[in-house]
Amino acid sequence: MSLKVTQVRSSIGTKPKHRGTLRALGLGRIGKSHVLPDRPEIRGMIAKVPHLVTVEEVAETEESS
């Protein structure tokens, strides 16, 4: 199982740690998505910025397409 993380709000005006977390997730602008493995450390980063991103669970086969 993987997670598709999409940035939906701007990081302007947020705390520097939140901006760093978005960068670590591979995001940088609104509408950009990144497919990441479903691991505890990724879930923890997403939990820090839930107001800036949306998360969808995707099957492994969708990840490669």
C-alpha atoms as a PDB file:
ATOM      1  CA  MET A   1       0.000   0.000   0.000  1.00  0.00           C
ATOM      2  CA  SER A   2       1.223   3.492  -0.817  1.00  0.00           C
ATOM      3  CA  LEU A   3       0.039   6.995  -0.048  1.00  0.00           C
ATOM      4  CA  LYS A   4      -0.569   9.692  -2.637  1.00  0.00           C
ATOM      5  CA  VAL A   5       0.013  13.038  -0.913  1.00  0.00           C
ATOM      6  CA  THR A   6      -1.201  16.226  -2.652  1.00  0.00           C
ATOM      7  CA  GLN A   7      -0.526  19.771  -1.485  1.00  0.00           C
ATOM      8  CA  VAL A   8      -3.800  21.726  -1.407  1.00  0.00           C
ATOM      9  CA  ARG A   9      -2.833  24.887   0.481  1.00  0.00           C
ATOM     10  CA  SER A  10       0.084  27.296   0.284  1.00  0.00           C
ATOM     11  CA  SER A  11       2.981  27.130   2.718  1.00  0.00           C
ATOM     12  CA  ILE A  12       3.261  30.926   2.748  1.00  0.00           C
ATOM     13  CA  GLY A  13       2.794  32.141   6.306  1.00  0.00           C
ATOM     14  CA  THR A  14       3.343  28.725   7.869  1.00  0.00           C
ATOM     15  CA  LYS A  15       6.079  27.828  10.316  1.00  0.00           C
ATOM     16  CA  PRO A  16       9.511  26.956   8.909  1.00  0.00           C
ATOM     17  CA  LYS A  17       9.196  23.384  10.228  1.00  0.00           C
ATOM     18  CA  HIS A  18       5.969  22.942   8.255  1.00  0.00           C
ATOM     19  CA  ARG A  19       7.669  24.164   5.072  1.00  0.00           C
ATOM     20  CA  GLY A  20      10.542  21.754   5.711  1.00  0.00           C
ATOM     21  CA  THR A  21       8.121  18.896   6.199  1.00  0.00           C
ATOM     22  CA  LEU A  22       6.445  19.656   2.860  1.00  0.00           C
ATOM     23  CA  ARG A  23       9.863  19.633   1.188  1.00  0.00           C
ATOM     24  CA  ALA A  24      10.694  16.289   2.820  1.00  0.00           C
ATOM     25  CA  LEU A  25       7.430  14.888   1.436  1.00  0.00           C
ATOM     26  CA  GLY A  26       8.486  15.987  -2.058  1.00  0.00           C
ATOM     27  CA  LEU A  27       5.989  18.841  -2.331  1.00  0.00           C
ATOM     28  CA  GLY A  28       6.551  22.504  -3.071  1.00  0.00           C
ATOM     29  CA  ARG A  29       3.564  24.012  -4.798  1.00  0.00           C
ATOM     30  CA  ILE A  30      -0.198  23.709  -4.732  1.00  0.00           C
ATOM     31  CA  GLY A  31      -1.521  20.796  -6.773  1.00  0.00           C
ATOM     32  CA  LYS A  32       1.723  18.837  -6.754  1.00  0.00           C
ATOM     33  CA  SER A  33       1.416  15.157  -5.752  1.00  0.00           C
ATOM     34  CA  HIS A  34       3.890  12.541  -4.658  1.00  0.00           C
ATOM     35  CA  VAL A  35       3.412   8.795  -4.088  1.00  0.00           C
ATOM     36  CA  LEU A  36       5.170   7.625  -0.930  1.00  0.00           C
ATOM     37  CA  PRO A  37       5.402   4.279   0.899  1.00  0.00           C
ATOM     38  CA  ASP A  38       3.007   3.784   3.796  1.00  0.00           C
ATOM     39  CA  ARG A  39       5.502   3.827   6.691  1.00  0.00           C
ATOM     40  CA  PRO A  40       5.252   5.269  10.213  1.00  0.00           C
ATOM     41  CA  GLU A  41       7.756   8.066   9.524  1.00  0.00           C
ATOM     42  CA  ILE A  42       5.794   9.208   6.453  1.00  0.00           C
ATOM     43  CA  ARG A  43       2.528   9.071   8.437  1.00  0.00           C
ATOM     44  CA  GLY A  44       4.189  11.204  11.125  1.00  0.00           C
ATOM     45  CA  MET A  45       5.228  13.867   8.609  1.00  0.00           C
ATOM     46  CA  ILE A  46       1.704  13.950   7.174  1.00  0.00           C
ATOM     47  CA  ALA A  47       0.318  14.335  10.711  1.00  0.00           C
ATOM     48  CA  LYS A  48       2.404  17.527  11.115  1.00  0.00           C
ATOM     49  CA  VAL A  49       0.817  19.252   8.093  1.00  0.00           C
ATOM     50  CA  PRO A  50      -2.745  17.869   7.724  1.00  0.00           C
ATOM     51  CA  HIS A  51      -4.080  21.379   7.017  1.00  0.00           C
ATOM     52  CA  LEU A  52      -1.853  21.700   3.926  1.00  0.00           C
ATOM     53  CA  VAL A  53      -2.243  18.290   2.257  1.00  0.00           C
ATOM     54  CA  THR A  54      -4.742  15.604   1.283  1.00  0.00           C
ATOM     55  CA  VAL A  55      -3.903  11.909   1.412  1.00  0.00           C
ATOM     56  CA  GLU A  56      -5.226   9.018  -0.682  1.00  0.00           C
ATOM     57  CA  GLU A  57      -4.324   5.355  -0.343  1.00  0.00           C
ATOM     58  CA  VAL A  58      -3.327   3.786  -3.646  1.00  0.00           C
ATOM     59  CA  ALA A  59      -2.606   0.206  -4.616  1.00  0.00           C
ATOM     60  CA  GLU A  60       0.920  -0.807  -5.578  1.00  0.00           C
ATOM     61  CA  THR A  61      -0.098  -1.355  -9.215  1.00  0.00           C
ATOM     62  CA  GLU A  62      -1.279   2.266  -9.624  1.00  0.00           C
ATOM     63  CA  GLU A  63       2.048   3.557  -8.345  1.00  0.00           C
ATOM     64  CA  SER A  64       4.021   2.316 -11.370  1.00  0.00           C
ATOM     65  CA  SER A  65       1.660   3.777 -13.989  1.00  0.00           C
END
